[in-house]
N, C-alpha and C. Protein backbone atom coordinates (compact mmCIF):
# COMPACT_ATOMS: atom_id res chain seq x y z
N MET A 1 16.07 -47.37 35.35
CA MET A 1 15.27 -46.32 35.97
C MET A 1 13.79 -46.59 35.78
N THR A 2 13.40 -46.96 34.55
CA THR A 2 12.00 -47.25 34.26
C THR A 2 11.51 -48.43 35.09
N THR A 3 12.35 -49.44 35.23
CA THR A 3 12.00 -50.61 36.03
C THR A 3 11.75 -50.22 37.48
N ALA A 4 12.59 -49.33 38.02
CA ALA A 4 12.43 -48.88 39.40
C ALA A 4 11.12 -48.13 39.58
N LEU A 5 10.77 -47.26 38.63
CA LEU A 5 9.51 -46.52 38.71
C LEU A 5 8.32 -47.46 38.63
N MET A 6 8.40 -48.47 37.76
CA MET A 6 7.31 -49.43 37.65
C MET A 6 7.18 -50.22 38.93
N LEU A 7 8.31 -50.57 39.56
CA LEU A 7 8.29 -51.31 40.80
C LEU A 7 7.63 -50.49 41.91
N LEU A 8 7.96 -49.20 41.97
CA LEU A 8 7.33 -48.32 42.96
C LEU A 8 5.83 -48.23 42.73
N ALA A 9 5.41 -48.14 41.48
CA ALA A 9 3.99 -48.07 41.16
C ALA A 9 3.28 -49.34 41.58
N VAL A 10 3.90 -50.48 41.33
CA VAL A 10 3.29 -51.76 41.70
C VAL A 10 3.18 -51.86 43.22
N MET A 11 4.18 -51.34 43.93
CA MET A 11 4.17 -51.40 45.39
C MET A 11 3.23 -50.36 46.00
N GLY A 12 2.68 -49.49 45.19
CA GLY A 12 1.76 -48.48 45.71
C GLY A 12 2.45 -47.29 46.32
N VAL A 13 3.72 -47.08 46.02
CA VAL A 13 4.47 -45.94 46.57
C VAL A 13 4.39 -44.78 45.59
N ARG A 14 3.98 -43.62 46.09
CA ARG A 14 3.85 -42.46 45.22
C ARG A 14 4.97 -41.48 45.51
N ALA A 15 5.56 -40.94 44.45
CA ALA A 15 6.63 -39.96 44.62
C ALA A 15 6.05 -38.69 45.24
N GLN A 16 6.84 -38.03 46.08
CA GLN A 16 6.41 -36.79 46.71
C GLN A 16 6.35 -35.69 45.66
N GLY A 17 5.23 -34.95 45.64
CA GLY A 17 5.03 -33.93 44.62
C GLY A 17 5.49 -32.53 45.03
N PHE A 18 5.54 -32.25 46.35
CA PHE A 18 6.00 -30.94 46.81
C PHE A 18 6.52 -31.05 48.23
N GLU A 19 7.22 -30.00 48.67
CA GLU A 19 7.72 -29.94 50.03
C GLU A 19 7.87 -28.49 50.46
N PHE A 20 7.94 -28.26 51.75
CA PHE A 20 8.32 -26.96 52.27
C PHE A 20 9.83 -26.93 52.40
N GLN A 21 10.43 -25.78 52.10
CA GLN A 21 11.87 -25.61 52.27
C GLN A 21 12.14 -24.33 53.06
N TYR A 22 13.24 -24.34 53.80
CA TYR A 22 13.68 -23.15 54.52
C TYR A 22 15.15 -22.93 54.20
N ARG A 23 15.45 -21.77 53.62
CA ARG A 23 16.81 -21.44 53.19
C ARG A 23 17.39 -22.54 52.31
N GLY A 24 16.55 -23.09 51.44
CA GLY A 24 17.01 -24.09 50.48
C GLY A 24 17.05 -25.51 50.98
N GLN A 25 16.74 -25.73 52.25
CA GLN A 25 16.78 -27.08 52.83
C GLN A 25 15.35 -27.60 53.04
N SER A 26 15.15 -28.88 52.80
CA SER A 26 13.84 -29.50 53.01
C SER A 26 13.45 -29.44 54.48
N ILE A 27 12.15 -29.23 54.72
CA ILE A 27 11.62 -29.21 56.08
C ILE A 27 10.76 -30.45 56.25
N ALA A 28 11.06 -31.27 57.24
CA ALA A 28 10.27 -32.47 57.51
C ALA A 28 8.88 -32.07 57.99
N ASP A 29 7.89 -32.91 57.71
CA ASP A 29 6.54 -32.63 58.18
C ASP A 29 6.52 -32.43 59.70
N ASP A 30 5.78 -31.44 60.13
CA ASP A 30 5.58 -31.09 61.54
C ASP A 30 6.84 -30.57 62.23
N ALA A 31 7.90 -30.28 61.47
CA ALA A 31 9.08 -29.65 62.06
C ALA A 31 8.75 -28.19 62.36
N VAL A 32 9.55 -27.56 63.21
CA VAL A 32 9.34 -26.17 63.60
C VAL A 32 10.49 -25.32 63.09
N VAL A 33 10.17 -24.24 62.41
CA VAL A 33 11.17 -23.26 61.99
C VAL A 33 11.05 -22.08 62.95
N THR A 34 12.11 -21.77 63.67
CA THR A 34 12.09 -20.68 64.65
C THR A 34 12.86 -19.49 64.11
N ILE A 35 12.23 -18.32 64.13
CA ILE A 35 12.83 -17.11 63.58
C ILE A 35 12.75 -16.00 64.63
N ALA A 36 13.87 -15.34 64.88
CA ALA A 36 13.89 -14.26 65.85
C ALA A 36 13.38 -12.97 65.24
N ALA A 37 12.83 -12.11 66.07
CA ALA A 37 12.36 -10.81 65.61
C ALA A 37 13.54 -9.95 65.19
N ALA A 38 13.27 -9.05 64.24
CA ALA A 38 14.29 -8.11 63.79
C ALA A 38 13.74 -6.70 63.93
N GLU A 39 14.61 -5.76 64.15
CA GLU A 39 14.20 -4.37 64.22
C GLU A 39 14.35 -3.73 62.85
N ASP A 40 13.33 -3.02 62.40
CA ASP A 40 13.45 -2.35 61.10
C ASP A 40 14.07 -0.96 61.29
N ALA A 41 14.19 -0.22 60.22
CA ALA A 41 14.87 1.08 60.24
C ALA A 41 14.15 2.09 61.14
N TYR A 42 12.87 1.87 61.40
CA TYR A 42 12.10 2.84 62.21
C TYR A 42 12.03 2.43 63.67
N GLY A 43 12.68 1.31 64.02
CA GLY A 43 12.71 0.91 65.42
C GLY A 43 11.56 0.01 65.83
N PHE A 44 10.67 -0.31 64.91
CA PHE A 44 9.56 -1.20 65.25
C PHE A 44 10.03 -2.64 65.11
N GLY A 45 9.61 -3.49 66.04
CA GLY A 45 9.94 -4.91 65.91
C GLY A 45 9.17 -5.51 64.75
N GLU A 46 9.81 -6.38 64.00
CA GLU A 46 9.12 -7.04 62.90
C GLU A 46 9.53 -8.50 62.86
N LEU A 47 8.55 -9.38 62.88
CA LEU A 47 8.81 -10.80 62.73
C LEU A 47 8.57 -11.13 61.27
N TRP A 48 9.41 -11.98 60.72
CA TRP A 48 9.21 -12.26 59.32
C TRP A 48 9.62 -13.66 58.95
N CYS A 49 8.92 -14.19 57.96
CA CYS A 49 9.20 -15.52 57.45
C CYS A 49 9.07 -15.42 55.94
N GLU A 50 10.14 -15.70 55.21
CA GLU A 50 10.30 -15.32 53.81
C GLU A 50 10.12 -13.81 53.73
N SER A 51 10.21 -13.20 54.84
CA SER A 51 10.17 -11.76 55.07
C SER A 51 9.29 -10.99 54.11
N ASN A 52 9.84 -9.99 53.51
CA ASN A 52 9.02 -9.02 52.78
C ASN A 52 9.00 -9.32 51.29
N PRO A 53 7.95 -8.86 50.59
CA PRO A 53 7.92 -9.06 49.14
C PRO A 53 9.20 -8.54 48.49
N GLY A 54 9.75 -9.31 47.59
CA GLY A 54 10.97 -8.90 46.92
C GLY A 54 12.22 -9.55 47.49
N ALA A 55 12.11 -10.14 48.70
CA ALA A 55 13.26 -10.81 49.28
C ALA A 55 13.53 -12.11 48.53
N SER A 56 14.76 -12.56 48.59
CA SER A 56 15.13 -13.79 47.89
C SER A 56 14.40 -14.98 48.50
N PRO A 57 13.81 -15.85 47.67
CA PRO A 57 13.15 -17.05 48.20
C PRO A 57 14.08 -17.92 49.02
N ALA A 58 15.38 -17.85 48.73
CA ALA A 58 16.35 -18.66 49.46
C ALA A 58 16.47 -18.21 50.92
N ASP A 59 15.96 -17.02 51.24
CA ASP A 59 16.08 -16.50 52.60
C ASP A 59 14.99 -16.98 53.54
N GLY A 60 13.95 -17.58 53.02
CA GLY A 60 12.83 -17.90 53.89
C GLY A 60 12.15 -19.21 53.55
N ILE A 61 10.89 -19.31 53.95
CA ILE A 61 10.11 -20.53 53.71
C ILE A 61 9.42 -20.45 52.36
N ILE A 62 9.51 -21.54 51.61
CA ILE A 62 8.81 -21.64 50.34
C ILE A 62 8.14 -23.00 50.24
N LEU A 63 7.12 -23.07 49.41
CA LEU A 63 6.54 -24.35 49.02
C LEU A 63 7.11 -24.62 47.64
N LYS A 64 7.78 -25.75 47.45
CA LYS A 64 8.42 -26.05 46.18
C LYS A 64 7.86 -27.34 45.59
N LEU A 65 7.42 -27.25 44.32
CA LEU A 65 6.96 -28.43 43.61
C LEU A 65 8.18 -29.26 43.21
N LEU A 66 8.08 -30.56 43.38
CA LEU A 66 9.16 -31.46 43.01
C LEU A 66 8.87 -32.17 41.69
N THR A 67 7.64 -32.11 41.26
CA THR A 67 7.24 -32.70 39.98
C THR A 67 6.44 -31.67 39.21
N GLY A 68 7.02 -31.13 38.15
CA GLY A 68 6.32 -30.12 37.36
C GLY A 68 6.49 -28.73 37.91
N THR A 69 5.89 -27.77 37.20
CA THR A 69 6.00 -26.37 37.62
C THR A 69 4.65 -25.71 37.80
N VAL A 70 3.57 -26.33 37.34
CA VAL A 70 2.25 -25.71 37.41
C VAL A 70 1.39 -26.50 38.39
N ALA A 71 0.78 -25.80 39.34
CA ALA A 71 -0.09 -26.47 40.30
C ALA A 71 -1.00 -25.48 40.99
N ARG A 72 -2.11 -26.00 41.46
CA ARG A 72 -3.03 -25.24 42.31
C ARG A 72 -3.18 -26.00 43.61
N GLY A 73 -3.39 -25.26 44.68
CA GLY A 73 -3.53 -25.92 45.97
C GLY A 73 -4.31 -25.07 46.96
N THR A 74 -4.43 -25.61 48.15
CA THR A 74 -5.12 -24.93 49.24
C THR A 74 -4.21 -24.92 50.46
N ALA A 75 -4.14 -23.80 51.15
CA ALA A 75 -3.31 -23.69 52.34
C ALA A 75 -4.15 -23.19 53.51
N THR A 76 -3.79 -23.63 54.69
CA THR A 76 -4.47 -23.19 55.91
C THR A 76 -3.42 -22.72 56.91
N MET A 77 -3.61 -21.53 57.46
CA MET A 77 -2.73 -20.99 58.49
C MET A 77 -3.52 -20.93 59.79
N THR A 78 -2.97 -21.52 60.84
CA THR A 78 -3.62 -21.52 62.14
C THR A 78 -2.66 -20.95 63.18
N ILE A 79 -3.10 -19.93 63.91
CA ILE A 79 -2.29 -19.35 64.98
C ILE A 79 -2.54 -20.17 66.24
N GLU A 80 -1.52 -20.86 66.72
CA GLU A 80 -1.66 -21.72 67.90
C GLU A 80 -1.43 -20.94 69.19
N HIS A 81 -0.52 -19.96 69.15
CA HIS A 81 -0.16 -19.20 70.35
C HIS A 81 0.36 -17.85 69.91
N ASN A 82 -0.04 -16.79 70.59
CA ASN A 82 0.41 -15.46 70.18
C ASN A 82 0.47 -14.53 71.38
N THR A 83 1.68 -14.19 71.81
CA THR A 83 1.83 -13.22 72.90
C THR A 83 2.68 -12.03 72.48
N VAL A 84 2.88 -11.82 71.15
CA VAL A 84 3.72 -10.70 70.72
C VAL A 84 2.94 -9.40 70.59
N ASP A 85 1.59 -9.47 70.56
CA ASP A 85 0.75 -8.27 70.53
C ASP A 85 1.18 -7.33 69.40
N ALA A 86 1.13 -7.84 68.18
CA ALA A 86 1.54 -7.03 67.01
C ALA A 86 0.41 -6.13 66.55
N ALA A 87 0.78 -4.92 66.12
CA ALA A 87 -0.22 -3.99 65.60
C ALA A 87 -0.77 -4.49 64.27
N THR A 88 0.08 -5.10 63.46
CA THR A 88 -0.31 -5.66 62.17
C THR A 88 0.21 -7.07 62.05
N LEU A 89 -0.67 -7.98 61.70
CA LEU A 89 -0.31 -9.38 61.53
C LEU A 89 -0.92 -9.85 60.22
N LYS A 90 -0.07 -10.26 59.25
CA LYS A 90 -0.63 -10.68 57.97
C LYS A 90 0.11 -11.88 57.41
N TRP A 91 -0.62 -12.63 56.60
CA TRP A 91 -0.09 -13.83 55.96
C TRP A 91 -0.24 -13.66 54.45
N CYS A 92 0.84 -13.86 53.72
CA CYS A 92 0.82 -13.77 52.26
C CYS A 92 1.27 -15.10 51.68
N MET A 93 0.54 -15.58 50.71
CA MET A 93 0.91 -16.82 50.04
C MET A 93 0.25 -16.84 48.68
N GLY A 94 1.01 -17.18 47.65
CA GLY A 94 0.45 -17.24 46.31
C GLY A 94 0.10 -15.87 45.76
N GLY A 95 0.78 -14.83 46.26
CA GLY A 95 0.58 -13.49 45.71
C GLY A 95 -0.48 -12.66 46.38
N THR A 96 -1.25 -13.23 47.31
CA THR A 96 -2.28 -12.45 48.00
C THR A 96 -1.97 -12.40 49.49
N CYS A 97 -2.27 -11.25 50.11
CA CYS A 97 -2.03 -11.06 51.53
C CYS A 97 -3.35 -10.85 52.26
N ASN A 98 -3.43 -11.38 53.47
CA ASN A 98 -4.62 -11.21 54.29
C ASN A 98 -4.23 -10.84 55.70
N LEU A 99 -4.98 -9.90 56.30
CA LEU A 99 -4.76 -9.54 57.70
C LEU A 99 -5.27 -10.66 58.58
N MET A 100 -4.50 -10.99 59.63
CA MET A 100 -4.90 -12.04 60.56
C MET A 100 -5.04 -11.53 61.98
N ASN A 101 -5.08 -10.21 62.14
CA ASN A 101 -5.14 -9.66 63.49
C ASN A 101 -6.31 -10.19 64.30
N SER A 102 -7.47 -10.37 63.67
CA SER A 102 -8.66 -10.75 64.42
C SER A 102 -9.08 -12.19 64.18
N VAL A 103 -8.28 -12.95 63.43
CA VAL A 103 -8.63 -14.36 63.17
C VAL A 103 -7.45 -15.25 63.53
N ASN A 104 -7.76 -16.45 64.03
CA ASN A 104 -6.71 -17.39 64.38
C ASN A 104 -6.53 -18.47 63.32
N ARG A 105 -7.48 -18.56 62.38
CA ARG A 105 -7.38 -19.61 61.35
C ARG A 105 -7.90 -19.05 60.04
N MET A 106 -7.15 -19.27 58.96
CA MET A 106 -7.55 -18.78 57.65
C MET A 106 -7.15 -19.79 56.58
N GLN A 107 -8.00 -19.95 55.58
CA GLN A 107 -7.72 -20.86 54.48
C GLN A 107 -7.76 -20.07 53.18
N LYS A 108 -6.87 -20.42 52.25
CA LYS A 108 -6.87 -19.74 50.96
C LYS A 108 -6.38 -20.68 49.87
N ASP A 109 -6.80 -20.39 48.65
CA ASP A 109 -6.33 -21.13 47.48
C ASP A 109 -5.11 -20.41 46.92
N PHE A 110 -4.20 -21.16 46.32
CA PHE A 110 -3.03 -20.55 45.69
C PHE A 110 -2.70 -21.31 44.42
N SER A 111 -1.90 -20.70 43.58
CA SER A 111 -1.46 -21.36 42.35
C SER A 111 -0.03 -20.92 42.04
N THR A 112 0.65 -21.71 41.24
CA THR A 112 2.01 -21.37 40.82
C THR A 112 2.25 -21.86 39.40
N GLU A 113 2.99 -21.07 38.65
CA GLU A 113 3.42 -21.49 37.32
C GLU A 113 4.94 -21.57 37.26
N THR A 114 5.57 -21.34 38.39
CA THR A 114 7.05 -21.39 38.44
C THR A 114 7.55 -22.55 39.29
N GLY A 115 6.63 -23.24 39.96
CA GLY A 115 7.04 -24.35 40.82
C GLY A 115 7.40 -23.92 42.22
N VAL A 116 7.29 -22.61 42.52
CA VAL A 116 7.64 -22.09 43.84
C VAL A 116 6.54 -21.15 44.33
N VAL A 117 6.13 -21.31 45.59
CA VAL A 117 5.17 -20.40 46.21
C VAL A 117 5.84 -19.81 47.44
N LEU A 118 5.94 -18.47 47.50
CA LEU A 118 6.54 -17.82 48.66
C LEU A 118 5.57 -17.84 49.83
N VAL A 119 6.10 -18.08 51.01
CA VAL A 119 5.31 -18.02 52.23
C VAL A 119 5.77 -16.77 52.98
N GLN A 120 4.89 -15.80 53.11
CA GLN A 120 5.24 -14.55 53.78
C GLN A 120 4.32 -14.37 54.98
N PHE A 121 4.92 -14.01 56.10
CA PHE A 121 4.14 -13.87 57.33
C PHE A 121 4.77 -12.74 58.11
N ASP A 122 4.07 -11.64 58.27
CA ASP A 122 4.64 -10.45 58.90
C ASP A 122 3.87 -10.04 60.15
N ALA A 123 4.62 -9.68 61.17
CA ALA A 123 4.04 -9.10 62.38
C ALA A 123 4.82 -7.82 62.66
N GLU A 124 4.14 -6.69 62.65
CA GLU A 124 4.83 -5.41 62.78
C GLU A 124 4.39 -4.66 64.04
N ASN A 125 5.28 -3.82 64.53
CA ASN A 125 5.07 -3.00 65.72
C ASN A 125 4.70 -3.88 66.91
N LEU A 126 5.66 -4.68 67.34
CA LEU A 126 5.44 -5.60 68.46
C LEU A 126 5.45 -4.83 69.77
N ARG A 127 4.46 -5.12 70.61
CA ARG A 127 4.34 -4.40 71.88
C ARG A 127 4.65 -5.28 73.09
N SER A 128 4.90 -6.56 72.85
CA SER A 128 5.18 -7.47 73.97
C SER A 128 6.28 -8.44 73.60
N ARG A 129 7.02 -8.86 74.61
CA ARG A 129 7.98 -9.94 74.40
C ARG A 129 7.21 -11.25 74.50
N GLY A 130 7.62 -12.20 73.70
CA GLY A 130 6.92 -13.48 73.71
C GLY A 130 7.17 -14.21 72.42
N TYR A 131 6.20 -15.02 72.00
CA TYR A 131 6.37 -15.74 70.75
C TYR A 131 5.03 -15.96 70.08
N LEU A 132 5.10 -16.21 68.80
CA LEU A 132 3.92 -16.54 68.01
C LEU A 132 4.20 -17.88 67.34
N LEU A 133 3.31 -18.84 67.53
CA LEU A 133 3.46 -20.15 66.92
C LEU A 133 2.30 -20.38 65.96
N ALA A 134 2.62 -20.63 64.69
CA ALA A 134 1.60 -20.86 63.67
C ALA A 134 1.84 -22.19 62.98
N THR A 135 0.75 -22.83 62.55
CA THR A 135 0.85 -24.07 61.78
C THR A 135 0.38 -23.79 60.37
N LEU A 136 1.21 -24.11 59.39
CA LEU A 136 0.87 -23.92 57.99
C LEU A 136 0.74 -25.29 57.34
N SER A 137 -0.43 -25.56 56.78
CA SER A 137 -0.69 -26.82 56.11
C SER A 137 -1.08 -26.53 54.67
N ALA A 138 -0.52 -27.28 53.72
CA ALA A 138 -0.83 -27.07 52.31
C ALA A 138 -1.16 -28.41 51.66
N THR A 139 -2.12 -28.37 50.73
CA THR A 139 -2.53 -29.56 49.99
C THR A 139 -2.46 -29.26 48.50
N VAL A 140 -1.74 -30.10 47.76
CA VAL A 140 -1.64 -30.00 46.31
C VAL A 140 -1.89 -31.39 45.74
N ALA A 141 -2.89 -31.50 44.86
CA ALA A 141 -3.20 -32.78 44.20
C ALA A 141 -3.38 -33.92 45.20
N GLY A 142 -4.07 -33.63 46.30
CA GLY A 142 -4.36 -34.65 47.30
C GLY A 142 -3.23 -34.96 48.27
N GLU A 143 -2.09 -34.32 48.11
CA GLU A 143 -0.94 -34.52 49.00
C GLU A 143 -0.86 -33.34 49.97
N THR A 144 -0.68 -33.64 51.27
CA THR A 144 -0.66 -32.59 52.29
C THR A 144 0.65 -32.62 53.08
N HIS A 145 1.20 -31.44 53.32
CA HIS A 145 2.39 -31.30 54.19
C HIS A 145 2.15 -30.14 55.14
N THR A 146 2.76 -30.24 56.31
CA THR A 146 2.56 -29.24 57.37
C THR A 146 3.89 -28.82 57.96
N VAL A 147 4.00 -27.51 58.24
CA VAL A 147 5.19 -26.99 58.90
C VAL A 147 4.73 -26.03 59.99
N LYS A 148 5.48 -25.97 61.08
CA LYS A 148 5.18 -25.02 62.16
C LYS A 148 6.18 -23.88 62.08
N ILE A 149 5.68 -22.67 62.25
CA ILE A 149 6.51 -21.47 62.18
C ILE A 149 6.42 -20.77 63.52
N GLN A 150 7.57 -20.61 64.18
CA GLN A 150 7.58 -19.93 65.49
C GLN A 150 8.41 -18.67 65.40
N PHE A 151 7.79 -17.54 65.75
CA PHE A 151 8.48 -16.27 65.80
C PHE A 151 8.71 -15.92 67.26
N THR A 152 9.89 -15.42 67.59
CA THR A 152 10.16 -15.04 68.96
C THR A 152 10.56 -13.57 69.02
N ASN A 153 10.17 -12.90 70.07
CA ASN A 153 10.53 -11.50 70.29
C ASN A 153 11.21 -11.40 71.65
N GLY A 154 12.53 -11.24 71.62
CA GLY A 154 13.27 -11.08 72.85
C GLY A 154 13.61 -12.39 73.53
N GLU A 155 13.30 -13.52 72.92
CA GLU A 155 13.57 -14.81 73.56
C GLU A 155 14.47 -15.70 72.71
N SER A 156 15.00 -15.18 71.62
CA SER A 156 15.86 -16.00 70.76
C SER A 156 16.95 -15.12 70.17
N ALA A 157 18.14 -15.68 70.02
CA ALA A 157 19.26 -14.91 69.48
C ALA A 157 19.48 -15.18 68.01
N GLY A 158 18.76 -16.11 67.44
CA GLY A 158 19.00 -16.44 66.04
C GLY A 158 17.90 -17.28 65.45
N VAL A 159 18.24 -18.00 64.41
CA VAL A 159 17.27 -18.81 63.68
C VAL A 159 17.62 -20.27 63.86
N THR A 160 16.64 -21.07 64.20
CA THR A 160 16.83 -22.51 64.32
C THR A 160 15.82 -23.17 63.40
N ALA A 161 16.29 -23.95 62.44
CA ALA A 161 15.39 -24.57 61.47
C ALA A 161 15.14 -26.02 61.79
N ALA A 162 13.96 -26.46 61.43
CA ALA A 162 13.59 -27.88 61.45
C ALA A 162 13.78 -28.56 62.79
N ARG A 163 13.32 -27.93 63.88
CA ARG A 163 13.27 -28.64 65.15
C ARG A 163 12.02 -29.50 65.14
N ARG A 164 12.03 -30.62 65.81
CA ARG A 164 10.86 -31.49 65.84
C ARG A 164 9.73 -30.80 66.60
N ALA A 165 8.49 -31.13 66.24
CA ALA A 165 7.32 -30.50 66.84
C ALA A 165 7.26 -30.70 68.35
N ALA A 166 7.82 -31.81 68.83
CA ALA A 166 7.80 -32.08 70.27
C ALA A 166 8.62 -31.07 71.05
N GLU A 167 9.48 -30.31 70.35
CA GLU A 167 10.34 -29.33 71.01
C GLU A 167 9.77 -27.93 70.91
N THR A 168 8.48 -27.78 70.61
CA THR A 168 7.89 -26.45 70.50
C THR A 168 7.86 -25.79 71.87
N ALA A 169 7.33 -24.59 71.90
CA ALA A 169 7.32 -23.82 73.13
C ALA A 169 6.63 -24.58 74.26
N PRO A 170 7.09 -24.41 75.50
CA PRO A 170 6.53 -25.15 76.63
C PRO A 170 5.09 -24.73 76.94
N ALA A 171 4.38 -25.62 77.63
CA ALA A 171 2.98 -25.35 78.00
C ALA A 171 2.93 -24.22 79.02
N CYS A 172 1.79 -23.53 79.05
CA CYS A 172 1.59 -22.40 79.96
C CYS A 172 0.52 -22.77 80.98
N TYR A 173 0.78 -22.48 82.27
CA TYR A 173 -0.16 -22.79 83.35
C TYR A 173 -0.42 -21.54 84.18
N ASP A 174 -1.65 -21.44 84.72
CA ASP A 174 -1.92 -20.33 85.63
C ASP A 174 -1.39 -20.71 87.02
N LEU A 175 -1.51 -19.82 87.98
CA LEU A 175 -0.92 -20.05 89.30
C LEU A 175 -1.66 -21.13 90.09
N CYS A 176 -2.81 -21.58 89.58
CA CYS A 176 -3.55 -22.69 90.22
C CYS A 176 -3.19 -24.03 89.59
N GLY A 177 -2.29 -24.00 88.59
CA GLY A 177 -1.86 -25.23 87.96
C GLY A 177 -2.71 -25.67 86.79
N ARG A 178 -3.64 -24.82 86.32
CA ARG A 178 -4.48 -25.17 85.18
C ARG A 178 -3.77 -24.76 83.89
N ARG A 179 -3.79 -25.65 82.90
CA ARG A 179 -3.16 -25.35 81.61
C ARG A 179 -3.98 -24.27 80.89
N VAL A 180 -3.28 -23.28 80.31
CA VAL A 180 -3.92 -22.15 79.63
C VAL A 180 -3.42 -22.13 78.19
N SER A 181 -4.36 -22.20 77.23
CA SER A 181 -3.95 -22.19 75.82
C SER A 181 -3.73 -20.78 75.30
N LYS A 182 -4.55 -19.82 75.77
CA LYS A 182 -4.40 -18.43 75.33
C LYS A 182 -4.37 -17.53 76.56
N PRO A 183 -3.20 -17.35 77.15
CA PRO A 183 -3.12 -16.56 78.37
C PRO A 183 -3.41 -15.08 78.14
N ALA A 184 -4.12 -14.48 79.10
CA ALA A 184 -4.36 -13.04 79.08
C ALA A 184 -3.22 -12.39 79.88
N LYS A 185 -3.35 -11.10 80.15
CA LYS A 185 -2.32 -10.39 80.92
C LYS A 185 -2.26 -10.95 82.33
N GLY A 186 -1.04 -11.21 82.79
CA GLY A 186 -0.90 -11.70 84.16
C GLY A 186 0.34 -12.57 84.34
N LEU A 187 0.41 -13.22 85.51
CA LEU A 187 1.55 -14.05 85.88
C LEU A 187 1.22 -15.51 85.58
N TYR A 188 2.14 -16.21 84.89
CA TYR A 188 1.94 -17.60 84.51
C TYR A 188 3.21 -18.40 84.77
N ILE A 189 3.07 -19.72 84.72
CA ILE A 189 4.22 -20.60 84.82
C ILE A 189 4.44 -21.21 83.44
N VAL A 190 5.58 -20.89 82.83
CA VAL A 190 5.90 -21.36 81.49
C VAL A 190 7.25 -22.06 81.55
N GLY A 191 7.25 -23.35 81.21
CA GLY A 191 8.49 -24.11 81.25
C GLY A 191 9.11 -24.19 82.63
N GLY A 192 8.25 -24.20 83.66
CA GLY A 192 8.73 -24.32 85.03
C GLY A 192 9.20 -23.02 85.64
N ARG A 193 9.06 -21.90 84.92
CA ARG A 193 9.47 -20.60 85.45
C ARG A 193 8.30 -19.63 85.47
N LYS A 194 8.27 -18.74 86.42
CA LYS A 194 7.24 -17.71 86.44
C LYS A 194 7.51 -16.70 85.35
N MET A 195 6.45 -16.28 84.65
CA MET A 195 6.62 -15.33 83.55
C MET A 195 5.43 -14.36 83.55
N MET A 196 5.73 -13.07 83.45
CA MET A 196 4.69 -12.06 83.34
C MET A 196 4.37 -11.85 81.87
N ILE A 197 3.08 -11.98 81.53
CA ILE A 197 2.65 -11.77 80.16
C ILE A 197 1.90 -10.45 80.11
N ASN A 198 2.39 -9.52 79.30
CA ASN A 198 1.79 -8.20 79.16
C ASN A 198 1.04 -8.14 77.86
N GLN A 199 -0.19 -8.52 77.87
CA GLN A 199 -0.96 -8.57 76.62
C GLN A 199 -2.14 -7.64 76.69
């Protein structure tokens, strides 16, 4: 074993220090985790990833250290697409939560003494059918990994984990054929089909 580690060191290969996991399974870099919206007890739509505080880490996305239990890092959440029109949109990681309703990109520092960091992302009181696609990137000790999180409202019947990034939601075009990154209210062509976006 020691000889193998020395050989890896000589070859310049570094062991991976952390990874993202979903329901206990490793998530490859740039893979997409798709989660369908759920209705809560009050009838409001809620999208969730590692869902709510207190939920089992095995139920959602976590950042897990593979070497050691103590670490500090930096994470960045970027909203790539959002047509769910949620009344409340927040991202929690490392024990702190931040509202993201008015921002598309946020960076924060986090730390762990247990080797696990919960990734919580909530969208409550959804007013539109559609999807939200976010990119989460984390850096610990100079090592960076990225995962894409896609929430769907009314467009998915279940959860699909670790789809390749190339299979993310289709591009959106206006009726003149121009690609639109953030569509407003109106009629668009998405994945070759006409779609009304009520935003």
